[in-house]
Amino acid sequence: MRKLVFGGLPLSALVLALAIGWLGSRHDSRLVLSVETIKPGVTCPVNSDNGAYKLDRWKVVGALDYKVDSSLSSGVSAGFQTWASAAGLSVSSTGSTSSPSVAADGTNNVFAAPLSGSTIAATYVWFDRRTRQVTEFDMVFNSNFDWADLPGSGDCVSSSSFDIQDIATHEFGHVLGIGHTSPSGANNAQTMYPYGQAGELYKRSLANGDLAAANAKY
């Protein structure tokens, strides 16, 4: 369930929201901040692709650039380009992050930092509440977990690490305004399924529902 909170919302409240799996929004003048998270859950074996998808309110218009932690760069770039190709958008890295933080500071930052509870990653999207156009995003990979560019193929491999590209692909879907499917296990073939697990690889590629969402939005 999405809860709207009007007025100022301190970062401490956002961290608490992540810890309890809450999705929130903050209104600040014309801007809205939406926080989207992915949580641990069993996703393999993957069920048949049922084409499920859900759209959120916002949308990217025009080219998008970002700065990324060098340790995440390769997997993030690959994950972002997967959606960019599907949506017909231009997305590019402009270099490494420098003292990144979650803030509406004019820079789209992708970095690793501690997140509360079991949250795997979180994406913060600011958008104009009238035009619904994305103005900025920040993406945080939980540094309490192990991250790697995992070798192998298939749905999942045996590993205690999360695959950077796999989770980056999921999170960038949120930037583009693609929401989570329902948590029903029947939807777990979709990249935008709300759960992920260590060793998971299949979210690197978009399923039928993900592609349908990109076509519907863009």
N, C-alpha and C. Protein backbone atom coordinates (compact mmCIF):
# COMPACT_ATOMS: atom_id res chain seq x y z
N MET A 1 0.85 -1.20 0.00
CA MET A 1 0.00 0.00 0.00
C MET A 1 0.88 1.24 0.00
N ARG A 2 0.53 2.23 -0.82
CA ARG A 2 1.28 3.47 -0.87
C ARG A 2 0.64 4.48 0.07
N LYS A 3 1.46 5.11 0.88
CA LYS A 3 1.00 6.12 1.83
C LYS A 3 1.56 7.47 1.44
N LEU A 4 0.71 8.47 1.30
CA LEU A 4 1.15 9.81 0.95
C LEU A 4 1.26 10.65 2.21
N VAL A 5 2.41 11.30 2.36
CA VAL A 5 2.63 12.17 3.51
C VAL A 5 2.94 13.55 2.99
N PHE A 6 2.19 14.54 3.40
CA PHE A 6 2.36 15.90 2.91
C PHE A 6 3.20 16.70 3.88
N GLY A 7 3.98 17.64 3.32
CA GLY A 7 4.87 18.43 4.16
C GLY A 7 6.26 17.84 4.18
N GLY A 8 7.15 18.38 5.00
CA GLY A 8 8.54 17.92 5.06
C GLY A 8 8.63 16.54 5.68
N LEU A 9 9.56 15.73 5.17
CA LEU A 9 9.80 14.41 5.72
C LEU A 9 11.29 14.21 5.86
N PRO A 10 11.83 14.11 7.08
CA PRO A 10 13.28 13.98 7.26
C PRO A 10 13.78 12.63 6.78
N LEU A 11 15.08 12.56 6.45
CA LEU A 11 15.67 11.33 5.95
C LEU A 11 15.52 10.20 6.95
N SER A 12 15.58 10.51 8.25
CA SER A 12 15.43 9.47 9.27
C SER A 12 14.10 8.76 9.12
N ALA A 13 13.07 9.50 8.74
CA ALA A 13 11.76 8.88 8.55
C ALA A 13 11.77 7.98 7.32
N LEU A 14 12.52 8.39 6.29
CA LEU A 14 12.62 7.56 5.10
C LEU A 14 13.32 6.25 5.41
N VAL A 15 14.38 6.33 6.21
CA VAL A 15 15.10 5.11 6.58
C VAL A 15 14.19 4.18 7.35
N LEU A 16 13.40 4.72 8.27
CA LEU A 16 12.45 3.91 9.00
C LEU A 16 11.45 3.29 8.05
N ALA A 17 11.01 4.06 7.06
CA ALA A 17 10.06 3.55 6.08
C ALA A 17 10.63 2.34 5.36
N LEU A 18 11.90 2.42 4.97
CA LEU A 18 12.53 1.31 4.28
C LEU A 18 12.56 0.08 5.17
N ALA A 19 12.83 0.27 6.45
CA ALA A 19 12.98 -0.85 7.37
C ALA A 19 11.69 -1.64 7.49
N ILE A 20 10.53 -1.00 7.33
CA ILE A 20 9.26 -1.71 7.48
C ILE A 20 8.59 -1.95 6.13
N GLY A 21 9.33 -1.72 5.04
CA GLY A 21 8.80 -2.04 3.73
C GLY A 21 7.74 -1.10 3.24
N TRP A 22 7.74 0.12 3.71
CA TRP A 22 6.74 1.13 3.36
C TRP A 22 7.16 1.89 2.12
N LEU A 23 6.24 2.21 1.22
CA LEU A 23 6.52 3.06 0.07
C LEU A 23 5.89 4.41 0.34
N GLY A 24 6.66 5.46 0.30
CA GLY A 24 6.14 6.76 0.69
C GLY A 24 6.36 7.82 -0.35
N SER A 25 5.68 8.92 -0.24
CA SER A 25 5.87 10.06 -1.10
C SER A 25 5.87 11.33 -0.28
N ARG A 26 6.66 12.30 -0.71
CA ARG A 26 6.72 13.58 -0.01
C ARG A 26 6.44 14.69 -1.01
N HIS A 27 5.61 15.62 -0.65
CA HIS A 27 5.34 16.77 -1.49
C HIS A 27 6.17 17.95 -1.00
N ASP A 28 6.92 18.57 -1.89
CA ASP A 28 7.72 19.74 -1.57
C ASP A 28 7.54 20.70 -2.73
N SER A 29 6.67 21.71 -2.55
CA SER A 29 6.28 22.58 -3.65
C SER A 29 5.65 21.71 -4.74
N ARG A 30 6.24 21.75 -5.96
CA ARG A 30 5.67 20.96 -7.06
C ARG A 30 6.30 19.58 -7.17
N LEU A 31 7.31 19.28 -6.36
CA LEU A 31 8.01 18.01 -6.49
C LEU A 31 7.45 16.96 -5.54
N VAL A 32 7.45 15.72 -6.00
CA VAL A 32 7.04 14.59 -5.20
C VAL A 32 8.22 13.63 -5.14
N LEU A 33 8.52 13.10 -3.96
CA LEU A 33 9.55 12.08 -3.79
C LEU A 33 8.88 10.74 -3.54
N SER A 34 9.18 9.77 -4.39
CA SER A 34 8.68 8.41 -4.19
C SER A 34 9.85 7.49 -3.89
N VAL A 35 9.69 6.62 -2.90
CA VAL A 35 10.74 5.69 -2.49
C VAL A 35 10.31 4.27 -2.83
N GLU A 36 11.10 3.59 -3.65
CA GLU A 36 10.77 2.24 -4.10
C GLU A 36 11.87 1.28 -3.64
N THR A 37 11.49 0.13 -3.08
CA THR A 37 12.46 -0.80 -2.53
C THR A 37 12.26 -2.21 -3.08
N ILE A 38 13.30 -3.04 -2.96
CA ILE A 38 13.18 -4.46 -3.25
C ILE A 38 13.65 -5.21 -2.01
N LYS A 39 12.92 -6.25 -1.65
CA LYS A 39 13.19 -7.02 -0.43
C LYS A 39 13.61 -8.45 -0.76
N PRO A 40 14.30 -9.12 0.18
CA PRO A 40 14.68 -10.51 -0.06
C PRO A 40 13.47 -11.44 -0.09
N GLY A 41 13.53 -12.42 -0.96
CA GLY A 41 12.49 -13.43 -1.05
C GLY A 41 12.92 -14.50 -2.03
N VAL A 42 12.35 -15.66 -1.94
CA VAL A 42 12.69 -16.76 -2.85
C VAL A 42 12.08 -16.51 -4.21
N THR A 43 12.92 -16.47 -5.25
CA THR A 43 12.42 -16.20 -6.61
C THR A 43 12.72 -17.34 -7.57
N CYS A 44 13.62 -18.23 -7.23
CA CYS A 44 13.92 -19.37 -8.09
C CYS A 44 13.43 -20.66 -7.42
N PRO A 45 12.85 -21.58 -8.20
CA PRO A 45 12.73 -21.53 -9.66
C PRO A 45 11.69 -20.51 -10.12
N VAL A 46 11.90 -19.99 -11.32
CA VAL A 46 11.03 -18.96 -11.88
C VAL A 46 9.84 -19.62 -12.58
N ASN A 47 8.66 -19.06 -12.34
CA ASN A 47 7.44 -19.58 -12.96
C ASN A 47 7.34 -19.12 -14.42
N SER A 48 6.34 -19.60 -15.11
CA SER A 48 6.10 -19.19 -16.49
C SER A 48 5.80 -17.70 -16.55
N ASP A 49 6.21 -17.08 -17.64
CA ASP A 49 6.01 -15.64 -17.84
C ASP A 49 4.54 -15.36 -18.10
N ASN A 50 3.89 -14.67 -17.15
CA ASN A 50 2.45 -14.39 -17.30
C ASN A 50 2.14 -12.99 -17.79
N GLY A 51 3.19 -12.19 -18.10
CA GLY A 51 2.97 -10.87 -18.69
C GLY A 51 2.47 -9.80 -17.74
N ALA A 52 2.56 -10.02 -16.43
CA ALA A 52 2.04 -9.06 -15.46
C ALA A 52 2.89 -7.80 -15.42
N TYR A 53 2.24 -6.65 -15.23
CA TYR A 53 2.98 -5.41 -15.01
C TYR A 53 2.08 -4.37 -14.35
N LYS A 54 2.72 -3.30 -13.85
CA LYS A 54 2.01 -2.20 -13.21
C LYS A 54 2.78 -0.91 -13.52
N LEU A 55 2.06 0.16 -13.79
CA LEU A 55 2.67 1.45 -14.09
C LEU A 55 2.53 2.39 -12.89
N ASP A 56 3.59 3.16 -12.64
CA ASP A 56 3.52 4.23 -11.65
C ASP A 56 3.21 5.55 -12.35
N ARG A 57 3.17 6.65 -11.58
CA ARG A 57 2.66 7.92 -12.11
C ARG A 57 3.66 8.69 -12.94
N TRP A 58 4.95 8.48 -12.74
CA TRP A 58 5.96 9.36 -13.34
C TRP A 58 6.55 8.77 -14.62
N LYS A 59 7.31 9.62 -15.33
CA LYS A 59 7.87 9.23 -16.61
C LYS A 59 9.13 10.04 -16.89
N VAL A 60 10.12 9.41 -17.51
CA VAL A 60 11.33 10.10 -17.93
C VAL A 60 11.08 10.72 -19.30
N VAL A 61 11.46 11.97 -19.46
CA VAL A 61 11.34 12.67 -20.73
C VAL A 61 12.73 13.15 -21.14
N GLY A 62 13.20 12.74 -22.31
CA GLY A 62 14.50 13.17 -22.78
C GLY A 62 15.62 12.29 -22.28
N ALA A 63 16.85 12.71 -22.55
CA ALA A 63 18.04 11.94 -22.14
C ALA A 63 18.24 12.00 -20.63
N LEU A 64 18.88 10.96 -20.10
CA LEU A 64 19.09 10.86 -18.67
C LEU A 64 20.56 10.49 -18.43
N ASP A 65 21.22 11.23 -17.53
CA ASP A 65 22.59 10.86 -17.17
C ASP A 65 22.69 10.66 -15.67
N TYR A 66 23.76 10.00 -15.25
CA TYR A 66 23.91 9.66 -13.84
C TYR A 66 25.39 9.49 -13.52
N LYS A 67 25.71 9.57 -12.23
CA LYS A 67 27.04 9.26 -11.71
C LYS A 67 26.93 7.99 -10.88
N VAL A 68 27.96 7.13 -10.96
CA VAL A 68 27.85 5.83 -10.33
C VAL A 68 29.14 5.47 -9.60
N ASP A 69 29.00 4.84 -8.45
CA ASP A 69 30.13 4.30 -7.70
C ASP A 69 30.90 3.35 -8.62
N SER A 70 32.22 3.51 -8.69
CA SER A 70 33.03 2.72 -9.62
C SER A 70 32.90 1.23 -9.39
N SER A 71 32.64 0.82 -8.16
CA SER A 71 32.52 -0.61 -7.86
C SER A 71 31.24 -1.21 -8.43
N LEU A 72 30.29 -0.38 -8.81
CA LEU A 72 29.01 -0.83 -9.33
C LEU A 72 28.86 -0.57 -10.83
N SER A 73 29.81 0.12 -11.41
CA SER A 73 29.65 0.74 -12.72
C SER A 73 29.23 -0.22 -13.83
N SER A 74 29.93 -1.34 -13.98
CA SER A 74 29.68 -2.24 -15.10
C SER A 74 28.26 -2.82 -15.06
N GLY A 75 27.89 -3.38 -13.92
CA GLY A 75 26.58 -3.99 -13.80
C GLY A 75 25.45 -2.97 -13.90
N VAL A 76 25.65 -1.78 -13.32
CA VAL A 76 24.64 -0.73 -13.39
C VAL A 76 24.42 -0.29 -14.83
N SER A 77 25.51 -0.06 -15.55
CA SER A 77 25.40 0.36 -16.95
C SER A 77 24.63 -0.65 -17.78
N ALA A 78 24.95 -1.93 -17.61
CA ALA A 78 24.26 -2.98 -18.37
C ALA A 78 22.77 -3.03 -18.03
N GLY A 79 22.47 -2.93 -16.74
CA GLY A 79 21.08 -2.97 -16.32
C GLY A 79 20.27 -1.79 -16.83
N PHE A 80 20.87 -0.60 -16.77
CA PHE A 80 20.18 0.60 -17.24
C PHE A 80 19.94 0.53 -18.75
N GLN A 81 20.93 0.04 -19.49
CA GLN A 81 20.80 0.00 -20.94
C GLN A 81 19.72 -0.98 -21.40
N THR A 82 19.48 -2.01 -20.61
CA THR A 82 18.41 -2.96 -20.94
C THR A 82 17.07 -2.25 -21.04
N TRP A 83 16.77 -1.41 -20.05
CA TRP A 83 15.52 -0.66 -20.08
C TRP A 83 15.56 0.46 -21.12
N ALA A 84 16.71 1.12 -21.26
CA ALA A 84 16.83 2.22 -22.22
C ALA A 84 16.51 1.74 -23.63
N SER A 85 16.99 0.56 -23.97
CA SER A 85 16.70 -0.01 -25.29
C SER A 85 15.22 -0.29 -25.47
N ALA A 86 14.60 -0.83 -24.44
CA ALA A 86 13.17 -1.17 -24.51
C ALA A 86 12.30 0.07 -24.60
N ALA A 87 12.71 1.14 -23.91
CA ALA A 87 11.90 2.36 -23.85
C ALA A 87 12.30 3.40 -24.90
N GLY A 88 13.38 3.15 -25.64
CA GLY A 88 13.84 4.11 -26.65
C GLY A 88 14.40 5.37 -26.04
N LEU A 89 15.13 5.24 -24.92
CA LEU A 89 15.69 6.39 -24.22
C LEU A 89 17.20 6.39 -24.29
N SER A 90 17.79 7.58 -24.12
CA SER A 90 19.24 7.72 -24.05
C SER A 90 19.64 7.85 -22.59
N VAL A 91 20.47 6.91 -22.11
CA VAL A 91 20.92 6.90 -20.72
C VAL A 91 22.43 6.73 -20.71
N SER A 92 23.14 7.57 -19.96
CA SER A 92 24.60 7.49 -19.97
C SER A 92 25.20 7.90 -18.64
N SER A 93 26.36 7.31 -18.33
CA SER A 93 27.11 7.66 -17.13
C SER A 93 28.00 8.86 -17.43
N THR A 94 28.10 9.77 -16.47
CA THR A 94 28.98 10.93 -16.62
C THR A 94 30.16 10.84 -15.65
N GLY A 95 30.44 9.63 -15.14
CA GLY A 95 31.59 9.45 -14.28
C GLY A 95 31.23 8.91 -12.92
N SER A 96 32.21 8.94 -12.01
CA SER A 96 32.05 8.38 -10.67
C SER A 96 31.38 9.37 -9.73
N THR A 97 30.73 8.83 -8.73
CA THR A 97 30.11 9.66 -7.70
C THR A 97 31.17 10.29 -6.81
N SER A 98 30.85 11.43 -6.24
CA SER A 98 31.74 12.11 -5.30
C SER A 98 30.92 12.51 -4.08
N SER A 99 31.17 11.84 -2.96
CA SER A 99 30.42 12.09 -1.72
C SER A 99 28.91 12.08 -1.97
N PRO A 100 28.39 10.98 -2.53
CA PRO A 100 26.97 10.95 -2.87
C PRO A 100 26.08 10.88 -1.64
N SER A 101 24.87 11.35 -1.80
CA SER A 101 23.86 11.25 -0.74
C SER A 101 22.50 11.24 -1.41
N VAL A 102 21.50 10.85 -0.64
CA VAL A 102 20.12 10.91 -1.12
C VAL A 102 19.62 12.33 -0.91
N ALA A 103 19.55 13.09 -1.97
CA ALA A 103 19.15 14.49 -1.88
C ALA A 103 18.78 15.00 -3.25
N ALA A 104 17.86 15.95 -3.28
CA ALA A 104 17.51 16.62 -4.53
C ALA A 104 18.55 17.70 -4.78
N ASP A 105 19.72 17.27 -5.28
CA ASP A 105 20.86 18.17 -5.43
C ASP A 105 21.28 18.37 -6.87
N GLY A 106 20.44 17.95 -7.80
CA GLY A 106 20.74 18.15 -9.21
C GLY A 106 21.55 17.06 -9.85
N THR A 107 21.91 15.99 -9.10
CA THR A 107 22.71 14.89 -9.64
C THR A 107 22.01 13.57 -9.38
N ASN A 108 21.94 12.74 -10.41
CA ASN A 108 21.42 11.39 -10.27
C ASN A 108 22.57 10.49 -9.81
N ASN A 109 22.54 10.09 -8.55
CA ASN A 109 23.63 9.30 -7.97
C ASN A 109 23.23 7.84 -7.78
N VAL A 110 24.18 6.94 -8.10
CA VAL A 110 24.00 5.51 -7.88
C VAL A 110 25.18 5.05 -7.04
N PHE A 111 24.91 4.54 -5.84
CA PHE A 111 26.01 4.23 -4.92
C PHE A 111 25.58 3.19 -3.90
N ALA A 112 26.55 2.70 -3.15
CA ALA A 112 26.30 1.73 -2.08
C ALA A 112 26.38 2.43 -0.73
N ALA A 113 25.46 2.09 0.16
CA ALA A 113 25.43 2.65 1.51
C ALA A 113 24.53 1.75 2.36
N PRO A 114 24.68 1.79 3.67
CA PRO A 114 23.81 0.96 4.52
C PRO A 114 22.35 1.38 4.40
N LEU A 115 21.47 0.39 4.33
CA LEU A 115 20.04 0.62 4.37
C LEU A 115 19.46 -0.18 5.53
N SER A 116 18.40 0.32 6.08
CA SER A 116 17.80 -0.33 7.24
C SER A 116 17.17 -1.67 6.89
N GLY A 117 17.17 -2.56 7.86
CA GLY A 117 16.47 -3.82 7.73
C GLY A 117 17.01 -4.68 6.61
N SER A 118 16.12 -5.37 5.93
CA SER A 118 16.51 -6.33 4.90
C SER A 118 16.42 -5.76 3.49
N THR A 119 16.21 -4.47 3.35
CA THR A 119 16.09 -3.86 2.03
C THR A 119 17.35 -4.14 1.21
N ILE A 120 17.18 -4.66 0.00
CA ILE A 120 18.31 -4.96 -0.88
C ILE A 120 18.81 -3.69 -1.54
N ALA A 121 17.89 -2.90 -2.04
CA ALA A 121 18.22 -1.64 -2.71
C ALA A 121 17.01 -0.74 -2.66
N ALA A 122 17.24 0.55 -2.83
CA ALA A 122 16.15 1.53 -2.81
C ALA A 122 16.40 2.58 -3.88
N THR A 123 15.34 3.00 -4.53
CA THR A 123 15.43 4.07 -5.53
C THR A 123 14.51 5.21 -5.11
N TYR A 124 15.06 6.41 -5.12
CA TYR A 124 14.35 7.63 -4.74
C TYR A 124 14.11 8.42 -6.03
N VAL A 125 12.87 8.65 -6.36
CA VAL A 125 12.53 9.34 -7.61
C VAL A 125 11.77 10.62 -7.28
N TRP A 126 12.32 11.75 -7.72
CA TRP A 126 11.63 13.03 -7.62
C TRP A 126 10.97 13.33 -8.96
N PHE A 127 9.69 13.71 -8.91
CA PHE A 127 9.01 14.07 -10.15
C PHE A 127 8.06 15.24 -9.91
N ASP A 128 7.78 15.96 -10.98
CA ASP A 128 6.89 17.11 -10.93
C ASP A 128 5.45 16.60 -10.81
N ARG A 129 4.72 17.03 -9.79
CA ARG A 129 3.40 16.47 -9.56
C ARG A 129 2.38 16.90 -10.61
N ARG A 130 2.67 17.97 -11.37
CA ARG A 130 1.74 18.39 -12.41
C ARG A 130 2.05 17.74 -13.74
N THR A 131 3.33 17.75 -14.13
CA THR A 131 3.69 17.15 -15.42
C THR A 131 4.01 15.66 -15.30
N ARG A 132 4.30 15.21 -14.06
CA ARG A 132 4.71 13.84 -13.77
C ARG A 132 6.04 13.47 -14.43
N GLN A 133 6.80 14.45 -14.79
CA GLN A 133 8.11 14.22 -15.39
C GLN A 133 9.16 14.05 -14.30
N VAL A 134 10.03 13.04 -14.44
CA VAL A 134 11.10 12.81 -13.49
C VAL A 134 12.09 13.96 -13.56
N THR A 135 12.44 14.51 -12.39
CA THR A 135 13.43 15.59 -12.33
C THR A 135 14.77 15.10 -11.80
N GLU A 136 14.75 14.00 -11.03
CA GLU A 136 15.99 13.50 -10.45
C GLU A 136 15.73 12.14 -9.82
N PHE A 137 16.81 11.33 -9.72
CA PHE A 137 16.71 10.09 -8.96
C PHE A 137 18.03 9.80 -8.26
N ASP A 138 17.96 9.06 -7.17
CA ASP A 138 19.12 8.48 -6.50
C ASP A 138 18.82 7.01 -6.27
N MET A 139 19.85 6.17 -6.40
CA MET A 139 19.69 4.73 -6.23
C MET A 139 20.75 4.23 -5.26
N VAL A 140 20.32 3.48 -4.25
CA VAL A 140 21.23 3.02 -3.20
C VAL A 140 21.18 1.49 -3.12
N PHE A 141 22.36 0.87 -3.22
CA PHE A 141 22.51 -0.57 -3.02
C PHE A 141 22.96 -0.78 -1.57
N ASN A 142 22.29 -1.67 -0.88
CA ASN A 142 22.57 -1.87 0.54
C ASN A 142 23.97 -2.46 0.73
N SER A 143 24.87 -1.68 1.32
CA SER A 143 26.25 -2.13 1.51
C SER A 143 26.39 -3.17 2.62
N ASN A 144 25.31 -3.49 3.31
CA ASN A 144 25.34 -4.57 4.29
C ASN A 144 25.31 -5.94 3.64
N PHE A 145 25.03 -5.97 2.32
CA PHE A 145 25.05 -7.21 1.55
C PHE A 145 26.29 -7.26 0.68
N ASP A 146 26.64 -8.48 0.24
CA ASP A 146 27.73 -8.65 -0.71
C ASP A 146 27.21 -8.46 -2.13
N TRP A 147 28.00 -7.75 -2.96
CA TRP A 147 27.62 -7.45 -4.33
C TRP A 147 28.71 -7.92 -5.28
N ALA A 148 28.31 -8.40 -6.47
CA ALA A 148 29.29 -8.88 -7.43
C ALA A 148 28.69 -8.87 -8.82
N ASP A 149 29.57 -8.88 -9.84
CA ASP A 149 29.15 -9.15 -11.21
C ASP A 149 29.26 -10.66 -11.37
N LEU A 150 28.17 -11.36 -11.10
CA LEU A 150 28.22 -12.81 -11.02
C LEU A 150 28.40 -13.46 -12.39
N PRO A 151 29.23 -14.49 -12.46
CA PRO A 151 29.35 -15.26 -13.69
C PRO A 151 28.20 -16.25 -13.81
N GLY A 152 28.04 -16.80 -15.00
CA GLY A 152 27.03 -17.82 -15.18
C GLY A 152 25.84 -17.32 -15.97
N SER A 153 24.85 -18.18 -16.12
CA SER A 153 23.65 -17.88 -16.88
C SER A 153 22.48 -18.62 -16.26
N GLY A 154 21.32 -18.44 -16.82
CA GLY A 154 20.13 -19.07 -16.28
C GLY A 154 19.43 -18.15 -15.30
N ASP A 155 18.50 -18.72 -14.56
CA ASP A 155 17.69 -17.92 -13.64
C ASP A 155 18.47 -17.52 -12.39
N CYS A 156 19.19 -18.45 -11.80
CA CYS A 156 19.94 -18.21 -10.58
C CYS A 156 21.18 -19.10 -10.56
N VAL A 157 22.20 -18.65 -9.84
CA VAL A 157 23.39 -19.46 -9.60
C VAL A 157 23.59 -19.55 -8.09
N SER A 158 24.40 -20.49 -7.68
CA SER A 158 24.68 -20.64 -6.25
C SER A 158 25.69 -19.59 -5.82
N SER A 159 25.25 -18.63 -5.02
CA SER A 159 26.11 -17.55 -4.57
C SER A 159 25.50 -16.87 -3.35
N SER A 160 26.35 -16.34 -2.49
CA SER A 160 25.87 -15.57 -1.34
C SER A 160 25.83 -14.07 -1.68
N SER A 161 26.22 -13.72 -2.90
CA SER A 161 26.24 -12.31 -3.32
C SER A 161 25.04 -11.99 -4.20
N PHE A 162 24.63 -10.74 -4.17
CA PHE A 162 23.61 -10.26 -5.09
C PHE A 162 24.30 -9.78 -6.37
N ASP A 163 23.66 -10.05 -7.50
CA ASP A 163 24.21 -9.63 -8.78
C ASP A 163 23.85 -8.17 -9.05
N ILE A 164 24.87 -7.37 -9.32
CA ILE A 164 24.66 -5.93 -9.50
C ILE A 164 23.73 -5.65 -10.67
N GLN A 165 23.99 -6.26 -11.81
CA GLN A 165 23.17 -6.00 -12.99
C GLN A 165 21.72 -6.41 -12.76
N ASP A 166 21.51 -7.54 -12.12
CA ASP A 166 20.17 -8.05 -11.86
C ASP A 166 19.35 -7.03 -11.07
N ILE A 167 19.90 -6.55 -9.96
CA ILE A 167 19.16 -5.61 -9.11
C ILE A 167 19.09 -4.22 -9.75
N ALA A 168 20.16 -3.82 -10.46
CA ALA A 168 20.13 -2.51 -11.12
C ALA A 168 19.03 -2.46 -12.18
N THR A 169 18.83 -3.56 -12.89
CA THR A 169 17.78 -3.60 -13.90
C THR A 169 16.42 -3.40 -13.24
N HIS A 170 16.19 -4.09 -12.15
CA HIS A 170 14.93 -3.92 -11.42
C HIS A 170 14.75 -2.48 -10.96
N GLU A 171 15.78 -1.92 -10.34
CA GLU A 171 15.66 -0.59 -9.77
C GLU A 171 15.48 0.49 -10.84
N PHE A 172 16.13 0.34 -11.98
CA PHE A 172 15.97 1.36 -13.01
C PHE A 172 14.57 1.33 -13.62
N GLY A 173 13.92 0.20 -13.55
CA GLY A 173 12.51 0.16 -13.95
C GLY A 173 11.70 1.16 -13.15
N HIS A 174 12.02 1.30 -11.86
CA HIS A 174 11.32 2.28 -11.03
C HIS A 174 11.58 3.71 -11.50
N VAL A 175 12.82 4.00 -11.89
CA VAL A 175 13.14 5.34 -12.39
C VAL A 175 12.23 5.67 -13.57
N LEU A 176 11.98 4.69 -14.42
CA LEU A 176 11.18 4.92 -15.63
C LEU A 176 9.68 4.94 -15.36
N GLY A 177 9.27 4.69 -14.12
CA GLY A 177 7.85 4.72 -13.82
C GLY A 177 7.17 3.38 -13.97
N ILE A 178 7.94 2.29 -13.90
CA ILE A 178 7.38 0.95 -13.94
C ILE A 178 7.31 0.44 -12.50
N GLY A 179 6.12 0.05 -12.06
CA GLY A 179 5.93 -0.34 -10.67
C GLY A 179 6.16 -1.82 -10.44
N HIS A 180 6.08 -2.21 -9.19
CA HIS A 180 6.14 -3.63 -8.84
C HIS A 180 4.89 -4.35 -9.33
N THR A 181 5.09 -5.61 -9.73
CA THR A 181 3.93 -6.48 -9.90
C THR A 181 3.37 -6.77 -8.51
N SER A 182 2.25 -7.42 -8.45
CA SER A 182 1.77 -7.89 -7.15
C SER A 182 2.75 -8.94 -6.65
N PRO A 183 2.82 -9.15 -5.32
CA PRO A 183 3.79 -10.09 -4.76
C PRO A 183 3.46 -11.56 -4.98
N SER A 184 2.39 -11.85 -5.68
CA SER A 184 2.04 -13.24 -5.95
C SER A 184 3.19 -13.96 -6.65
N GLY A 185 3.52 -15.16 -6.21
CA GLY A 185 4.58 -15.93 -6.82
C GLY A 185 4.35 -16.20 -8.28
N ALA A 186 3.12 -16.11 -8.74
CA ALA A 186 2.82 -16.32 -10.16
C ALA A 186 3.48 -15.27 -11.03
N ASN A 187 3.87 -14.14 -10.44
CA ASN A 187 4.46 -13.03 -11.20
C ASN A 187 5.99 -13.03 -11.16
N ASN A 188 6.61 -14.04 -10.58
CA ASN A 188 8.03 -13.92 -10.28
C ASN A 188 8.95 -14.00 -11.50
N ALA A 189 8.41 -14.23 -12.69
CA ALA A 189 9.25 -14.20 -13.89
C ALA A 189 9.57 -12.78 -14.34
N GLN A 190 8.83 -11.79 -13.81
CA GLN A 190 9.00 -10.41 -14.26
C GLN A 190 10.18 -9.75 -13.53
N THR A 191 10.91 -8.92 -14.24
CA THR A 191 11.99 -8.14 -13.62
C THR A 191 11.46 -7.29 -12.49
N MET A 192 10.21 -6.82 -12.60
CA MET A 192 9.65 -5.93 -11.59
C MET A 192 8.91 -6.65 -10.47
N TYR A 193 9.15 -7.95 -10.34
CA TYR A 193 8.67 -8.69 -9.18
C TYR A 193 9.33 -8.09 -7.94
N PRO A 194 8.59 -7.88 -6.84
CA PRO A 194 9.13 -7.08 -5.73
C PRO A 194 10.13 -7.77 -4.82
N TYR A 195 10.53 -9.00 -5.12
CA TYR A 195 11.50 -9.71 -4.30
C TYR A 195 12.70 -10.15 -5.13
N GLY A 196 13.85 -10.28 -4.45
CA GLY A 196 15.05 -10.76 -5.10
C GLY A 196 15.83 -11.64 -4.14
N GLN A 197 16.81 -12.38 -4.67
CA GLN A 197 17.61 -13.24 -3.81
C GLN A 197 19.05 -13.25 -4.29
N ALA A 198 19.95 -13.62 -3.38
CA ALA A 198 21.36 -13.76 -3.73
C ALA A 198 21.49 -14.83 -4.82
N GLY A 199 22.38 -14.57 -5.78
CA GLY A 199 22.58 -15.51 -6.87
C GLY A 199 21.60 -15.37 -8.01
N GLU A 200 20.63 -14.51 -7.86
CA GLU A 200 19.61 -14.32 -8.90
C GLU A 200 20.20 -13.60 -10.12
N LEU A 201 19.85 -14.08 -11.33
CA LEU A 201 20.34 -13.48 -12.56
C LEU A 201 19.21 -13.09 -13.53
N TYR A 202 18.05 -13.69 -13.39
CA TYR A 202 17.05 -13.59 -14.45
C TYR A 202 16.49 -12.19 -14.64
N LYS A 203 16.58 -11.33 -13.61
CA LYS A 203 16.06 -9.97 -13.77
C LYS A 203 16.93 -9.12 -14.70
N ARG A 204 18.08 -9.63 -15.11
CA ARG A 204 18.90 -8.92 -16.09
C ARG A 204 18.15 -8.71 -17.40
N SER A 205 17.27 -9.67 -17.73
CA SER A 205 16.51 -9.60 -18.99
C SER A 205 15.06 -9.27 -18.69
N LEU A 206 14.44 -8.53 -19.57
CA LEU A 206 13.05 -8.13 -19.36
C LEU A 206 12.11 -9.23 -19.84
N ALA A 207 11.10 -9.50 -19.03
CA ALA A 207 10.08 -10.48 -19.37
C ALA A 207 8.95 -9.79 -20.15
N ASN A 208 7.98 -10.56 -20.56
CA ASN A 208 6.89 -10.01 -21.38
C ASN A 208 6.16 -8.88 -20.70
N GLY A 209 5.92 -9.02 -19.40
CA GLY A 209 5.22 -7.95 -18.68
C GLY A 209 6.03 -6.68 -18.60
N ASP A 210 7.33 -6.82 -18.40
CA ASP A 210 8.23 -5.65 -18.34
C ASP A 210 8.23 -4.92 -19.68
N LEU A 211 8.32 -5.68 -20.76
CA LEU A 211 8.33 -5.08 -22.10
C LEU A 211 6.99 -4.42 -22.41
N ALA A 212 5.90 -5.05 -21.98
CA ALA A 212 4.58 -4.45 -22.19
C ALA A 212 4.47 -3.14 -21.42
N ALA A 213 5.03 -3.10 -20.22
CA ALA A 213 5.01 -1.87 -19.42
C ALA A 213 5.79 -0.76 -20.11
N ALA A 214 6.98 -1.07 -20.64
CA ALA A 214 7.78 -0.08 -21.36
C ALA A 214 7.04 0.44 -22.57
N ASN A 215 6.37 -0.46 -23.29
CA ASN A 215 5.62 -0.03 -24.47
C ASN A 215 4.42 0.83 -24.09
N ALA A 216 3.76 0.49 -22.98
CA ALA A 216 2.60 1.26 -22.53
C ALA A 216 3.01 2.66 -22.05
N LYS A 217 4.19 2.75 -21.41
CA LYS A 217 4.63 4.02 -20.85
C LYS A 217 5.33 4.88 -21.88
N TYR A 218 6.09 4.25 -22.81
CA TYR A 218 6.92 5.01 -23.74
C TYR A 218 6.59 4.74 -25.21
